[in-house]
Amino acid sequence: MLGTEPIQPDDVARAELVYATAGLQAIRLYSLQRPGADALDAARATTGIELVDLSREAQPAATYCRR
C-alpha cells in the first residue's frame, strides 16, 4: 500500500517487474492518494496491474481488508 504520495507510472512498472509471475492473475496497488492520469494509463497498458484508490474511503484500512 502506498500512502504518502500518489502512485506513479514507475510504481506500476516496478510492480510488474518485481511481482508479476505466470501464476498471478492480478497485482493490486492500493493507494491512500488518488493516482494521477499517467499512472492510470500505465496500469491500463500493463496486463495484470490494478490500481485501487482508497482516497475517498471513510475507512481505507477496512476497505483494504475487505478486498
Protein backbone atom coordinates (compact mmCIF):
# COMPACT_ATOMS: atom_id res chain seq x y z
CA MET A 1 0.00 0.00 0.00
CA LEU A 2 1.26 3.42 -0.92
CA GLY A 3 0.12 6.34 1.16
CA THR A 4 2.24 9.45 1.32
CA GLU A 5 2.33 10.13 -2.43
CA PRO A 6 0.15 9.17 -5.39
CA ILE A 7 1.06 6.08 -7.38
CA GLN A 8 3.37 6.95 -10.25
CA PRO A 9 3.93 5.15 -13.59
CA ASP A 10 7.29 3.97 -12.20
CA ASP A 11 5.44 2.20 -9.37
CA VAL A 12 3.36 0.33 -11.94
CA ALA A 13 6.45 -0.68 -13.93
CA ARG A 14 8.27 -1.78 -10.77
CA ALA A 15 5.31 -3.88 -9.61
CA GLU A 16 5.24 -5.67 -12.95
CA LEU A 17 8.99 -6.24 -12.90
CA VAL A 18 9.26 -7.39 -9.28
CA TYR A 19 6.00 -9.20 -8.59
CA ALA A 20 4.49 -10.46 -11.85
CA THR A 21 4.63 -14.19 -12.43
CA ALA A 22 2.68 -16.58 -14.61
CA GLY A 23 0.73 -17.80 -11.56
CA LEU A 24 -0.71 -14.43 -10.55
CA GLN A 25 -3.89 -13.15 -12.14
CA ALA A 26 -3.56 -9.60 -10.84
CA ILE A 27 -1.35 -7.33 -8.77
CA ARG A 28 -3.26 -4.64 -6.93
CA LEU A 29 -1.56 -1.43 -5.90
CA TYR A 30 -3.52 0.26 -3.13
CA SER A 31 -3.10 3.97 -2.56
CA LEU A 32 -4.33 6.44 0.02
CA GLN A 33 -3.75 9.20 -2.54
CA ARG A 34 -5.65 9.48 -5.82
CA PRO A 35 -3.49 8.07 -8.67
CA GLY A 36 -2.64 10.51 -11.43
CA ALA A 37 -3.81 10.10 -15.00
CA ASP A 38 -0.37 8.93 -16.11
CA ALA A 39 -0.35 6.15 -13.51
CA LEU A 40 -3.85 5.06 -14.54
CA ASP A 41 -2.72 4.97 -18.18
CA ALA A 42 0.33 2.90 -17.22
CA ALA A 43 -1.84 0.43 -15.32
CA ARG A 44 -4.27 0.10 -18.24
CA ALA A 45 -1.34 -0.62 -20.54
CA THR A 46 0.14 -3.23 -18.18
CA THR A 47 -1.62 -6.57 -18.10
CA GLY A 48 -2.42 -7.75 -14.61
CA ILE A 49 -1.87 -4.48 -12.74
CA GLU A 50 -4.83 -2.89 -10.96
CA LEU A 51 -4.79 0.43 -9.11
CA VAL A 52 -7.09 0.74 -6.12
CA ASP A 53 -7.83 4.29 -4.98
CA LEU A 54 -8.65 4.37 -1.27
CA SER A 55 -8.56 8.16 -1.03
CA ARG A 56 -12.34 8.52 -1.00
CA GLU A 57 -12.95 5.82 1.58
CA ALA A 58 -14.06 6.87 5.06
CA GLN A 59 -12.18 3.87 6.49
CA PRO A 60 -9.46 2.95 3.99
CA ALA A 61 -7.96 0.21 6.17
CA ALA A 62 -11.32 -1.56 6.45
CA THR A 63 -11.85 -1.30 2.70
CA TYR A 64 -8.36 -2.69 2.11
CA CYS A 65 -9.08 -5.68 4.34
CA ARG A 66 -12.36 -6.42 2.56
CA ARG A 67 -10.77 -6.57 -0.88
